[in-house]
Amino acid sequence: MALDSAKKLEIINKFARDEKDTGSPEVQIALLSERIWGLTEHLKEFKKDHSSRLGLLKLVGQRKRLLRYLKKTNYTKYQEVIAILKIRDK
């Protein structure tokens, strides 16, 4: 479930640190979250799609690692990102 370029650009502009930023942890977390939400909706309809479920679990793990890194390096930005994306904090 790839994101279309318009939606991707909108997310990047919302979370980027400056106009050329596309790879900061905040942007990566936001893009992964959008893909996770899309896959979650897909799996609600197609419950037996196990390959997509495996991909979803990999994306969740990747987002978790990025969140852990962001929490360790910039806690205030971490709090902003999880508040905007409505992600639970342990």
C-alpha atoms as a PDB file:
ATOM      1  CA  MET A   1       0.000   0.000   0.000  1.00  0.00           C
ATOM      2  CA  ALA A   2       2.289   2.732  -1.236  1.00  0.00           C
ATOM      3  CA  LEU A   3       1.505   6.372  -0.573  1.00  0.00           C
ATOM      4  CA  ASP A   4       0.712   8.624  -3.494  1.00  0.00           C
ATOM      5  CA  SER A   5       3.193  11.446  -4.060  1.00  0.00           C
ATOM      6  CA  ALA A   6       0.790  14.234  -3.065  1.00  0.00           C
ATOM      7  CA  LYS A   7       0.022  12.671   0.317  1.00  0.00           C
ATOM      8  CA  LYS A   8       3.713  11.911   0.865  1.00  0.00           C
ATOM      9  CA  LEU A   9       4.694  15.507   0.074  1.00  0.00           C
ATOM     10  CA  GLU A  10       2.025  16.817   2.447  1.00  0.00           C
ATOM     11  CA  ILE A  11       3.360  14.666   5.297  1.00  0.00           C
ATOM     12  CA  ILE A  12       6.956  15.659   4.569  1.00  0.00           C
ATOM     13  CA  ASN A  13       6.067  19.366   4.587  1.00  0.00           C
ATOM     14  CA  LYS A  14       4.205  18.996   7.885  1.00  0.00           C
ATOM     15  CA  PHE A  15       7.027  17.253   9.777  1.00  0.00           C
ATOM     16  CA  ALA A  16      10.197  18.494   8.020  1.00  0.00           C
ATOM     17  CA  ARG A  17      12.738  20.573   9.889  1.00  0.00           C
ATOM     18  CA  ASP A  18      13.420  22.715   6.822  1.00  0.00           C
ATOM     19  CA  GLU A  19      12.353  22.767   3.157  1.00  0.00           C
ATOM     20  CA  LYS A  20      14.934  20.178   2.030  1.00  0.00           C
ATOM     21  CA  ASP A  21      14.441  17.744   4.918  1.00  0.00           C
ATOM     22  CA  THR A  22      13.033  14.367   3.877  1.00  0.00           C
ATOM     23  CA  GLY A  23      14.932  11.932   6.081  1.00  0.00           C
ATOM     24  CA  SER A  24      14.716  13.187   9.648  1.00  0.00           C
ATOM     25  CA  PRO A  25      13.283  10.729  12.175  1.00  0.00           C
ATOM     26  CA  GLU A  26      10.110  12.806  12.527  1.00  0.00           C
ATOM     27  CA  VAL A  27       9.393  12.584   8.788  1.00  0.00           C
ATOM     28  CA  GLN A  28      10.204   8.875   8.660  1.00  0.00           C
ATOM     29  CA  ILE A  29       7.935   8.152  11.633  1.00  0.00           C
ATOM     30  CA  ALA A  30       5.072  10.103  10.068  1.00  0.00           C
ATOM     31  CA  LEU A  31       5.441   8.317   6.708  1.00  0.00           C
ATOM     32  CA  LEU A  32       5.620   4.914   8.386  1.00  0.00           C
ATOM     33  CA  SER A  33       2.547   5.742  10.478  1.00  0.00           C
ATOM     34  CA  GLU A  34       0.564   6.586   7.370  1.00  0.00           C
ATOM     35  CA  ARG A  35       1.587   3.298   5.730  1.00  0.00           C
ATOM     36  CA  ILE A  36       0.721   1.421   8.928  1.00  0.00           C
ATOM     37  CA  TRP A  37      -2.759   2.962   9.032  1.00  0.00           C
ATOM     38  CA  GLY A  38      -3.316   2.048   5.395  1.00  0.00           C
ATOM     39  CA  LEU A  39      -2.229  -1.546   5.928  1.00  0.00           C
ATOM     40  CA  THR A  40      -4.379  -1.799   9.036  1.00  0.00           C
ATOM     41  CA  GLU A  41      -7.448  -0.779   7.038  1.00  0.00           C
ATOM     42  CA  HIS A  42      -6.523  -3.268   4.321  1.00  0.00           C
ATOM     43  CA  LEU A  43      -6.169  -6.093   6.831  1.00  0.00           C
ATOM     44  CA  LYS A  44      -9.573  -5.339   8.357  1.00  0.00           C
ATOM     45  CA  GLU A  45     -11.111  -6.299   5.026  1.00  0.00           C
ATOM     46  CA  PHE A  46      -8.698  -9.062   3.988  1.00  0.00           C
ATOM     47  CA  LYS A  47      -8.095 -10.988   7.193  1.00  0.00           C
ATOM     48  CA  LYS A  48      -6.199 -13.861   5.558  1.00  0.00           C
ATOM     49  CA  ASP A  49      -3.580 -11.695   3.818  1.00  0.00           C
ATOM     50  CA  HIS A  50      -0.643 -12.964   5.838  1.00  0.00           C
ATOM     51  CA  SER A  51       2.087 -11.464   3.665  1.00  0.00           C
ATOM     52  CA  SER A  52       0.676  -7.976   4.243  1.00  0.00           C
ATOM     53  CA  ARG A  53       0.415  -8.739   7.951  1.00  0.00           C
ATOM     54  CA  LEU A  54       4.119  -9.624   7.998  1.00  0.00           C
ATOM     55  CA  GLY A  55       4.916  -6.356   6.213  1.00  0.00           C
ATOM     56  CA  LEU A  56       2.812  -4.479   8.767  1.00  0.00           C
ATOM     57  CA  LEU A  57       4.743  -6.035  11.639  1.00  0.00           C
ATOM     58  CA  LYS A  58       8.037  -5.039  10.020  1.00  0.00           C
ATOM     59  CA  LEU A  59       6.839  -1.445   9.593  1.00  0.00           C
ATOM     60  CA  VAL A  60       5.689  -1.291  13.218  1.00  0.00           C
ATOM     61  CA  GLY A  61       9.097  -2.536  14.375  1.00  0.00           C
ATOM     62  CA  GLN A  62      10.904   0.009  12.235  1.00  0.00           C
ATOM     63  CA  ARG A  63       8.717   2.832  13.562  1.00  0.00           C
ATOM     64  CA  LYS A  64       9.325   1.616  17.110  1.00  0.00           C
ATOM     65  CA  ARG A  65      13.099   1.787  16.620  1.00  0.00           C
ATOM     66  CA  LEU A  66      12.861   5.293  15.157  1.00  0.00           C
ATOM     67  CA  LEU A  67      10.662   6.425  18.059  1.00  0.00           C
ATOM     68  CA  ARG A  68      13.156   5.012  20.551  1.00  0.00           C
ATOM     69  CA  TYR A  69      15.982   6.894  18.792  1.00  0.00           C
ATOM     70  CA  LEU A  70      14.021  10.147  18.717  1.00  0.00           C
ATOM     71  CA  LYS A  71      13.092   9.797  22.391  1.00  0.00           C
ATOM     72  CA  LYS A  72      16.752   9.322  23.292  1.00  0.00           C
ATOM     73  CA  THR A  73      18.074  12.234  21.189  1.00  0.00           C
ATOM     74  CA  ASN A  74      15.297  14.866  21.254  1.00  0.00           C
ATOM     75  CA  TYR A  75      12.607  14.223  23.864  1.00  0.00           C
ATOM     76  CA  THR A  76      10.585  17.388  23.214  1.00  0.00           C
ATOM     77  CA  LYS A  77      10.308  16.607  19.494  1.00  0.00           C
ATOM     78  CA  TYR A  78       9.379  13.031  20.411  1.00  0.00           C
ATOM     79  CA  GLN A  79       6.487  14.278  22.536  1.00  0.00           C
ATOM     80  CA  GLU A  80       5.287  16.556  19.729  1.00  0.00           C
ATOM     81  CA  VAL A  81       5.368  13.765  17.156  1.00  0.00           C
ATOM     82  CA  ILE A  82       3.475  11.230  19.263  1.00  0.00           C
ATOM     83  CA  ALA A  83       0.879  13.874  20.169  1.00  0.00           C
ATOM     84  CA  ILE A  84       0.271  14.823  16.533  1.00  0.00           C
ATOM     85  CA  LEU A  85       0.196  11.218  15.291  1.00  0.00           C
ATOM     86  CA  LYS A  86      -1.753   9.959  18.331  1.00  0.00           C
ATOM     87  CA  ILE A  87       0.753   7.193  19.091  1.00  0.00           C
ATOM     88  CA  ARG A  88       0.741   5.719  22.591  1.00  0.00           C
ATOM     89  CA  ASP A  89       3.795   6.165  24.788  1.00  0.00           C
ATOM     90  CA  LYS A  90       4.860   3.335  27.063  1.00  0.00           C
END
